[in-house]
Every structure is written in C-alpha cells, then in structure tokens.
Amino acid sequence: MTTRRTFTMIKPDAVENGHIGAILEKINAAGFKIVAMKYTQMSKRDAETFYAIHKERPFFGELVEFMTRGPIVAAILEKDNAVEDFRALIGATNPAEAAEGTIRKLFATSLGENAVHGSDSDENAAIEGAFHFAGREIF
C-alpha cells in the first residue's frame, strides 16, 4: 500500500547557495502539498541517528559532518504516489546522472552535496517524518 506522504530535507549546500525558494517552488509546481516544514540544524547526534543505516559505510563521517555544517529545511509532503513522484522530481543521487529539470540536476553540486534528501519508501517516509516532526507539527 502506498501512502500519500513523503519526507524531504533541503540540505546545507542548497540552503547555503540560496536555493530554498526555488526548490520549494519546484515542489509546489509538481503538485505536492507541504503539511509540515521547519528550518533547523541537525546536531551530530541527530545526523548519526538519522543516517545510522550508513554507519558502516566509508562516507558516514563525511555525511554527518556535511549534514551538521549548516541549517536544513525539513518537510513532509503530501500527494498521491508521494514517494515515487518525489524521487522522480529530485532525480538521481549523482547530479551528473540526474535527468534534465530535476532538482538535483538544477541545484546539486556533487554526489556528496546533492541538494535534497527524499525518502526511498513509504515506511522510511513515516520514520523520517516522525524523526523531525512531532504530531502536532503535521497538518
């Protein structure tokens, strides 16, 4: 069963480069409704917990350092087929391989600094959304 919600983060690189508004515009234009959103900064512990699935990977330390270096925008998005449609909107993890017009093709600078996170499954969307938002913050 697919759900109507997914989770995203506009990562520190895209925030630093002034792309928040343009990315949110692309999200809205693609028919997503924002049901929760906040401008925040992840602590080292937050990033280590959020990305725990990658703990044994060689890039884990760099990922944690990157995700804690500046603020992010976290959001829960709603739309039919939300996870799959959002993954298509953001494009491949490597911006060099991302389709034209996708968020990563337009705003990412490298594989490591790829502008946005998007949940890869309905289950992870629920887990990731709950990590960043209390129930009273979701509308």
Protein backbone atom coordinates (compact mmCIF):
# COMPACT_ATOMS: atom_id res chain seq x y z
CA MET A 1 0.00 0.00 0.00
CA THR A 2 1.39 3.38 -0.94
CA THR A 3 0.83 6.40 1.21
CA ARG A 4 0.23 9.97 0.27
CA ARG A 5 3.19 11.36 2.23
CA THR A 6 6.94 11.56 1.87
CA PHE A 7 9.76 13.31 3.70
CA THR A 8 12.40 15.66 2.32
CA MET A 9 15.26 17.79 3.53
CA ILE A 10 16.80 20.67 1.66
CA LYS A 11 20.42 20.00 2.59
CA PRO A 12 23.02 22.51 3.87
CA ASP A 13 24.61 23.02 0.43
CA ALA A 14 21.34 24.10 -1.17
CA VAL A 15 20.50 26.31 1.83
CA GLU A 16 23.96 27.94 1.68
CA ASN A 17 23.58 28.53 -2.05
CA GLY A 18 20.23 30.29 -1.63
CA HIS A 19 18.07 27.65 -3.33
CA ILE A 20 15.33 27.16 -0.70
CA GLY A 21 12.73 29.23 -2.54
CA ALA A 22 13.47 27.74 -5.96
CA ILE A 23 13.34 24.17 -4.61
CA LEU A 24 10.07 24.82 -2.77
CA GLU A 25 8.66 26.32 -5.97
CA LYS A 26 9.53 23.13 -7.90
CA ILE A 27 7.92 21.03 -5.16
CA ASN A 28 4.73 23.11 -5.26
CA ALA A 29 4.64 23.14 -9.07
CA ALA A 30 4.82 19.33 -9.05
CA GLY A 31 1.58 19.21 -7.07
CA PHE A 32 2.91 18.46 -3.60
CA LYS A 33 1.23 19.99 -0.56
CA ILE A 34 3.54 20.86 2.33
CA VAL A 35 1.95 19.50 5.53
CA ALA A 36 4.92 20.19 7.82
CA MET A 37 8.04 22.30 7.40
CA LYS A 38 10.81 23.73 9.55
CA TYR A 39 14.15 25.50 9.21
CA THR A 40 16.51 23.80 11.63
CA GLN A 41 20.01 22.46 12.11
CA MET A 42 20.85 18.84 12.86
CA SER A 43 23.17 18.09 15.75
CA LYS A 44 25.92 15.50 15.32
CA ARG A 45 23.81 13.03 17.30
CA ASP A 46 20.74 13.79 15.13
CA ALA A 47 22.70 13.16 11.92
CA GLU A 48 24.31 9.98 13.26
CA THR A 49 20.89 8.67 14.29
CA PHE A 50 19.11 9.73 11.09
CA TYR A 51 21.78 8.15 8.87
CA ALA A 52 22.51 5.14 11.12
CA ILE A 53 21.77 2.81 8.20
CA HIS A 54 25.02 4.08 6.63
CA LYS A 55 27.14 3.78 9.81
CA GLU A 56 29.46 1.11 8.38
CA ARG A 57 29.89 2.87 5.03
CA PRO A 58 33.17 4.70 4.36
CA PHE A 59 31.39 8.02 3.73
CA PHE A 60 29.46 8.07 7.04
CA GLY A 61 31.74 10.56 8.81
CA GLU A 62 31.73 12.95 5.86
CA LEU A 63 27.94 12.65 5.60
CA VAL A 64 27.47 13.53 9.28
CA GLU A 65 29.90 16.44 9.00
CA PHE A 66 28.14 17.74 5.89
CA MET A 67 24.63 17.44 7.31
CA THR A 68 25.59 19.30 10.51
CA ARG A 69 27.57 22.14 8.96
CA GLY A 70 24.58 24.41 8.50
CA PRO A 71 20.80 24.63 8.58
CA ILE A 72 18.41 22.44 6.62
CA VAL A 73 14.76 22.71 5.69
CA ALA A 74 12.84 19.59 6.70
CA ALA A 75 9.39 18.97 5.26
CA ILE A 76 6.64 16.40 4.94
CA LEU A 77 4.96 16.46 1.56
CA GLU A 78 1.59 15.10 0.52
CA LYS A 79 0.40 13.91 -2.88
CA ASP A 80 -0.88 10.69 -4.42
CA ASN A 81 2.10 8.37 -5.04
CA ALA A 82 4.22 10.77 -3.00
CA VAL A 83 7.42 8.75 -2.53
CA GLU A 84 7.78 7.64 -6.15
CA ASP A 85 6.76 11.01 -7.61
CA PHE A 86 9.15 12.90 -5.34
CA ARG A 87 12.05 10.58 -6.17
CA ALA A 88 11.39 11.30 -9.85
CA LEU A 89 11.28 15.05 -9.15
CA ILE A 90 14.61 15.12 -7.31
CA GLY A 91 16.48 12.90 -9.78
CA ALA A 92 19.44 10.57 -9.40
CA THR A 93 21.69 10.88 -6.34
CA ASN A 94 24.57 11.85 -8.60
CA PRO A 95 23.58 15.13 -10.26
CA ALA A 96 25.71 14.24 -13.30
CA GLU A 97 23.31 11.34 -13.89
CA ALA A 98 20.11 13.19 -12.97
CA ALA A 99 17.54 13.93 -15.65
CA GLU A 100 17.24 17.46 -17.00
CA GLY A 101 14.87 19.62 -14.97
CA THR A 102 15.16 17.56 -11.78
CA ILE A 103 16.02 19.29 -8.52
CA ARG A 104 19.43 17.63 -8.27
CA LYS A 105 20.31 18.43 -11.89
CA LEU A 106 19.44 22.08 -11.26
CA PHE A 107 20.77 22.64 -7.74
CA ALA A 108 23.21 19.89 -6.64
CA THR A 109 26.94 20.41 -6.96
CA SER A 110 28.24 16.85 -6.47
CA LEU A 111 27.37 13.32 -5.42
CA GLY A 112 28.09 14.22 -1.79
CA GLU A 113 26.40 17.62 -1.88
CA ASN A 114 23.25 16.74 -3.76
CA ALA A 115 20.86 19.46 -2.53
CA VAL A 116 17.95 17.36 -1.23
CA HIS A 117 17.01 14.17 0.54
CA GLY A 118 13.92 12.23 -0.42
CA SER A 119 12.56 9.15 1.34
CA ASP A 120 13.08 5.93 -0.59
CA SER A 121 9.99 4.07 0.68
CA ASP A 122 6.66 4.69 2.36
CA GLU A 123 7.99 3.07 5.53
CA ASN A 124 11.09 5.30 5.61
CA ALA A 125 8.98 8.37 4.84
CA ALA A 126 6.95 7.73 8.00
CA ILE A 127 10.06 7.05 10.10
CA GLU A 128 11.95 10.09 8.78
CA GLY A 129 8.97 12.41 9.14
CA ALA A 130 8.46 11.29 12.75
CA PHE A 131 12.16 11.84 13.44
CA HIS A 132 11.90 15.53 12.57
CA PHE A 133 8.30 16.41 13.49
CA ALA A 134 6.01 15.94 16.46
CA GLY A 135 2.43 15.00 15.60
CA ARG A 136 1.22 18.50 16.48
CA GLU A 137 3.54 19.96 13.83
CA ILE A 138 1.98 17.99 10.97
CA PHE A 139 -1.20 19.31 9.33
